[in-house]
Amino acid sequence: MKNLIIAAALAASALAVQAKDIVETAVGAGSFKTLATALGAAGLVDTLKGKGPFTVFAPTDEAFAKIPKADLDALIKDKAKLTKVLTYHVVPGTVMAKDVKAGMVKTVQGGDLTLATAGGVTVNGAKVVKADVKASNGVIHAIDTVLMPK
């Protein structure tokens, strides 16, 4: 019995060590280097390391590469605009792909995203290219385009 309790405690602590927050999960995935840089520039790393839960529609490095370099460099330097763009990709709560319902959802930034489910999940027309990347404080859905608030 004692060994069973010790084994359960070890398993629980191993799970706690493995559980990474959204920022650590994104960095570990390797395809969100530009997003990680942008989060740092906007001062949002601590926010997304917070309790949450958050659902992040995370543009991949390829999504950021669609933006002309001069425009992306200017966006990274404009902290207020960058913060608006990045928080436009975040929705409060944890929404797994199977639970996405077509319609509008409010972002942390205050704007609305349009979700569609026909032929796969899209967000304002951007395709979810990898869904349900779980983190300790939410979930990441990788998207193929950077979303710009109106």
C-alpha atoms as a PDB file:
ATOM      1  CA  MET A   1       0.000   0.000   0.000  1.00  0.00           C
ATOM      2  CA  LYS A   2       2.801   2.397   0.926  1.00  0.00           C
ATOM      3  CA  ASN A   3       4.541   1.687  -2.397  1.00  0.00           C
ATOM      4  CA  LEU A   4       1.299   2.390  -4.242  1.00  0.00           C
ATOM      5  CA  ILE A   5       0.951   5.768  -2.506  1.00  0.00           C
ATOM      6  CA  ILE A   6       4.574   6.642  -3.308  1.00  0.00           C
ATOM      7  CA  ALA A   7       4.108   5.597  -6.947  1.00  0.00           C
ATOM      8  CA  ALA A   8       0.960   7.732  -7.210  1.00  0.00           C
ATOM      9  CA  ALA A   9       2.766  10.721  -5.690  1.00  0.00           C
ATOM     10  CA  LEU A  10       5.682  10.298  -8.116  1.00  0.00           C
ATOM     11  CA  ALA A  11       3.307  10.044 -11.082  1.00  0.00           C
ATOM     12  CA  ALA A  12       1.472  13.197  -9.971  1.00  0.00           C
ATOM     13  CA  SER A  13       4.714  15.140  -9.568  1.00  0.00           C
ATOM     14  CA  ALA A  14       5.931  13.924 -12.980  1.00  0.00           C
ATOM     15  CA  LEU A  15       2.710  15.197 -14.554  1.00  0.00           C
ATOM     16  CA  ALA A  16       3.117  18.547 -12.803  1.00  0.00           C
ATOM     17  CA  VAL A  17       6.653  18.859 -14.170  1.00  0.00           C
ATOM     18  CA  GLN A  18       5.512  17.937 -17.703  1.00  0.00           C
ATOM     19  CA  ALA A  19       2.601  20.394 -17.738  1.00  0.00           C
ATOM     20  CA  LYS A  20       3.856  23.500 -19.540  1.00  0.00           C
ATOM     21  CA  ASP A  21       2.030  26.787 -19.881  1.00  0.00           C
ATOM     22  CA  ILE A  22       1.018  28.259 -23.232  1.00  0.00           C
ATOM     23  CA  VAL A  23       4.277  30.162 -23.742  1.00  0.00           C
ATOM     24  CA  GLU A  24       6.495  27.182 -22.868  1.00  0.00           C
ATOM     25  CA  THR A  25       4.365  24.894 -25.048  1.00  0.00           C
ATOM     26  CA  ALA A  26       4.547  27.292 -28.008  1.00  0.00           C
ATOM     27  CA  VAL A  27       8.319  27.718 -27.667  1.00  0.00           C
ATOM     28  CA  GLY A  28       8.765  23.956 -27.315  1.00  0.00           C
ATOM     29  CA  ALA A  29       6.747  23.302 -30.470  1.00  0.00           C
ATOM     30  CA  GLY A  30       9.422  25.051 -32.541  1.00  0.00           C
ATOM     31  CA  SER A  31       7.056  26.585 -35.103  1.00  0.00           C
ATOM     32  CA  PHE A  32       6.180  29.725 -33.121  1.00  0.00           C
ATOM     33  CA  LYS A  33       9.531  31.546 -32.875  1.00  0.00           C
ATOM     34  CA  THR A  34       8.155  34.795 -34.323  1.00  0.00           C
ATOM     35  CA  LEU A  35       5.130  34.623 -32.020  1.00  0.00           C
ATOM     36  CA  ALA A  36       7.409  34.115 -29.005  1.00  0.00           C
ATOM     37  CA  THR A  37       9.487  37.144 -30.061  1.00  0.00           C
ATOM     38  CA  ALA A  38       6.324  39.208 -30.520  1.00  0.00           C
ATOM     39  CA  LEU A  39       4.944  38.170 -27.125  1.00  0.00           C
ATOM     40  CA  GLY A  40       8.201  39.303 -25.514  1.00  0.00           C
ATOM     41  CA  ALA A  41       8.175  42.616 -27.380  1.00  0.00           C
ATOM     42  CA  ALA A  42       4.568  43.256 -26.309  1.00  0.00           C
ATOM     43  CA  GLY A  43       5.204  42.291 -22.694  1.00  0.00           C
ATOM     44  CA  LEU A  44       2.583  39.527 -22.844  1.00  0.00           C
ATOM     45  CA  VAL A  45       4.726  36.566 -21.797  1.00  0.00           C
ATOM     46  CA  ASP A  46       3.738  36.809 -18.125  1.00  0.00           C
ATOM     47  CA  THR A  47       0.069  37.174 -19.071  1.00  0.00           C
ATOM     48  CA  LEU A  48       0.068  33.957 -21.102  1.00  0.00           C
ATOM     49  CA  LYS A  49       2.048  32.204 -18.383  1.00  0.00           C
ATOM     50  CA  GLY A  50      -0.772  33.172 -15.998  1.00  0.00           C
ATOM     51  CA  LYS A  51      -3.590  31.081 -14.633  1.00  0.00           C
ATOM     52  CA  GLY A  52      -5.878  31.335 -17.680  1.00  0.00           C
ATOM     53  CA  PRO A  53      -7.430  29.346 -19.086  1.00  0.00           C
ATOM     54  CA  PHE A  54      -6.812  30.696 -22.581  1.00  0.00           C
ATOM     55  CA  THR A  55      -7.455  29.503 -26.096  1.00  0.00           C
ATOM     56  CA  VAL A  56      -4.781  30.893 -28.390  1.00  0.00           C
ATOM     57  CA  PHE A  57      -5.141  30.904 -32.156  1.00  0.00           C
ATOM     58  CA  ALA A  58      -1.373  31.020 -32.686  1.00  0.00           C
ATOM     59  CA  PRO A  59       0.054  32.109 -36.038  1.00  0.00           C
ATOM     60  CA  THR A  60       2.901  29.869 -37.136  1.00  0.00           C
ATOM     61  CA  ASP A  61       6.243  31.239 -38.314  1.00  0.00           C
ATOM     62  CA  GLU A  62       4.977  30.667 -41.875  1.00  0.00           C
ATOM     63  CA  ALA A  63       1.920  32.835 -41.092  1.00  0.00           C
ATOM     64  CA  PHE A  64       4.158  35.687 -39.899  1.00  0.00           C
ATOM     65  CA  ALA A  65       6.343  35.213 -43.016  1.00  0.00           C
ATOM     66  CA  LYS A  66       3.341  36.261 -45.158  1.00  0.00           C
ATOM     67  CA  ILE A  67       3.677  39.778 -43.707  1.00  0.00           C
ATOM     68  CA  PRO A  68       6.260  41.908 -45.561  1.00  0.00           C
ATOM     69  CA  LYS A  69       9.413  42.173 -43.408  1.00  0.00           C
ATOM     70  CA  ALA A  70       9.270  45.980 -43.127  1.00  0.00           C
ATOM     71  CA  ASP A  71       5.631  45.804 -41.960  1.00  0.00           C
ATOM     72  CA  LEU A  72       6.409  43.044 -39.449  1.00  0.00           C
ATOM     73  CA  ASP A  73       9.432  44.950 -38.113  1.00  0.00           C
ATOM     74  CA  ALA A  74       7.281  48.077 -37.696  1.00  0.00           C
ATOM     75  CA  LEU A  75       4.574  46.046 -35.908  1.00  0.00           C
ATOM     76  CA  ILE A  76       7.114  44.504 -33.497  1.00  0.00           C
ATOM     77  CA  LYS A  77       8.381  48.024 -32.628  1.00  0.00           C
ATOM     78  CA  ASP A  78       4.861  49.427 -32.015  1.00  0.00           C
ATOM     79  CA  LYS A  79       4.065  47.886 -28.618  1.00  0.00           C
ATOM     80  CA  ALA A  80       0.482  49.223 -28.428  1.00  0.00           C
ATOM     81  CA  LYS A  81      -0.478  47.954 -31.899  1.00  0.00           C
ATOM     82  CA  LEU A  82       1.377  44.673 -31.372  1.00  0.00           C
ATOM     83  CA  THR A  83      -0.473  44.097 -28.094  1.00  0.00           C
ATOM     84  CA  LYS A  84      -3.813  44.652 -29.856  1.00  0.00           C
ATOM     85  CA  VAL A  85      -2.890  42.226 -32.638  1.00  0.00           C
ATOM     86  CA  LEU A  86      -1.653  39.512 -30.272  1.00  0.00           C
ATOM     87  CA  THR A  87      -4.537  39.742 -27.788  1.00  0.00           C
ATOM     88  CA  TYR A  88      -6.906  39.531 -30.784  1.00  0.00           C
ATOM     89  CA  HIS A  89      -5.676  35.923 -31.150  1.00  0.00           C
ATOM     90  CA  VAL A  90      -6.671  34.978 -27.573  1.00  0.00           C
ATOM     91  CA  VAL A  91     -10.084  33.883 -26.337  1.00  0.00           C
ATOM     92  CA  PRO A  92     -10.886  33.373 -22.635  1.00  0.00           C
ATOM     93  CA  GLY A  93     -11.439  29.745 -21.612  1.00  0.00           C
ATOM     94  CA  THR A  94     -10.314  26.451 -23.085  1.00  0.00           C
ATOM     95  CA  VAL A  95     -12.026  25.530 -26.342  1.00  0.00           C
ATOM     96  CA  MET A  96     -10.963  22.249 -27.920  1.00  0.00           C
ATOM     97  CA  ALA A  97     -11.439  21.856 -31.688  1.00  0.00           C
ATOM     98  CA  LYS A  98     -14.329  19.399 -31.265  1.00  0.00           C
ATOM     99  CA  ASP A  99     -16.157  22.006 -29.152  1.00  0.00           C
ATOM    100  CA  VAL A 100     -15.791  24.903 -31.618  1.00  0.00           C
ATOM    101  CA  LYS A 101     -19.151  26.191 -32.786  1.00  0.00           C
ATOM    102  CA  ALA A 102     -19.553  28.354 -35.870  1.00  0.00           C
ATOM    103  CA  GLY A 103     -20.223  31.973 -34.992  1.00  0.00           C
ATOM    104  CA  MET A 104     -18.660  34.957 -33.289  1.00  0.00           C
ATOM    105  CA  VAL A 105     -16.477  34.848 -30.185  1.00  0.00           C
ATOM    106  CA  LYS A 106     -15.116  37.757 -28.144  1.00  0.00           C
ATOM    107  CA  THR A 107     -11.341  38.044 -27.873  1.00  0.00           C
ATOM    108  CA  VAL A 108      -9.245  39.262 -24.958  1.00  0.00           C
ATOM    109  CA  GLN A 109      -8.521  42.348 -27.121  1.00  0.00           C
ATOM    110  CA  GLY A 110     -12.271  43.099 -27.203  1.00  0.00           C
ATOM    111  CA  GLY A 111     -12.913  42.404 -30.874  1.00  0.00           C
ATOM    112  CA  ASP A 112     -14.812  39.502 -32.384  1.00  0.00           C
ATOM    113  CA  LEU A 113     -13.509  36.497 -34.284  1.00  0.00           C
ATOM    114  CA  THR A 114     -15.650  34.587 -36.741  1.00  0.00           C
ATOM    115  CA  LEU A 115     -15.307  30.836 -36.332  1.00  0.00           C
ATOM    116  CA  ALA A 116     -16.392  28.409 -39.025  1.00  0.00           C
ATOM    117  CA  THR A 117     -16.388  24.618 -38.986  1.00  0.00           C
ATOM    118  CA  ALA A 118     -17.197  23.596 -42.576  1.00  0.00           C
ATOM    119  CA  GLY A 119     -14.229  21.635 -43.945  1.00  0.00           C
ATOM    120  CA  GLY A 120     -12.167  22.139 -40.789  1.00  0.00           C
ATOM    121  CA  VAL A 121     -11.969  24.969 -38.290  1.00  0.00           C
ATOM    122  CA  THR A 122     -11.228  28.473 -39.565  1.00  0.00           C
ATOM    123  CA  VAL A 123     -10.851  31.735 -37.677  1.00  0.00           C
ATOM    124  CA  ASN A 124     -11.625  34.855 -39.732  1.00  0.00           C
ATOM    125  CA  GLY A 125     -10.788  32.674 -42.739  1.00  0.00           C
ATOM    126  CA  ALA A 126      -7.418  31.507 -41.354  1.00  0.00           C
ATOM    127  CA  LYS A 127      -7.132  27.729 -41.307  1.00  0.00           C
ATOM    128  CA  VAL A 128      -6.351  25.854 -38.123  1.00  0.00           C
ATOM    129  CA  VAL A 129      -3.367  23.785 -39.271  1.00  0.00           C
ATOM    130  CA  LYS A 130      -2.802  22.033 -35.940  1.00  0.00           C
ATOM    131  CA  ALA A 131      -5.470  21.825 -33.276  1.00  0.00           C
ATOM    132  CA  ASP A 132      -5.610  20.988 -29.600  1.00  0.00           C
ATOM    133  CA  VAL A 133      -2.020  21.587 -28.497  1.00  0.00           C
ATOM    134  CA  LYS A 134      -2.703  21.299 -24.771  1.00  0.00           C
ATOM    135  CA  ALA A 135      -0.997  23.454 -22.161  1.00  0.00           C
ATOM    136  CA  SER A 136      -1.375  23.675 -18.390  1.00  0.00           C
ATOM    137  CA  ASN A 137      -3.357  26.926 -18.704  1.00  0.00           C
ATOM    138  CA  GLY A 138      -5.279  26.394 -21.923  1.00  0.00           C
ATOM    139  CA  VAL A 139      -4.925  25.234 -25.496  1.00  0.00           C
ATOM    140  CA  ILE A 140      -3.195  26.378 -28.677  1.00  0.00           C
ATOM    141  CA  HIS A 141      -4.595  26.034 -32.178  1.00  0.00           C
ATOM    142  CA  ALA A 142      -1.954  26.834 -34.810  1.00  0.00           C
ATOM    143  CA  ILE A 143      -3.263  28.988 -37.681  1.00  0.00           C
ATOM    144  CA  ASP A 144      -1.845  29.808 -41.108  1.00  0.00           C
ATOM    145  CA  THR A 145      -2.453  33.583 -41.108  1.00  0.00           C
ATOM    146  CA  VAL A 146      -1.895  36.452 -38.677  1.00  0.00           C
ATOM    147  CA  LEU A 147      -5.257  37.960 -37.740  1.00  0.00           C
ATOM    148  CA  MET A 148      -5.534  41.744 -37.760  1.00  0.00           C
ATOM    149  CA  PRO A 149      -8.194  43.468 -35.640  1.00  0.00           C
ATOM    150  CA  LYS A 150     -10.442  45.984 -37.370  1.00  0.00           C
END
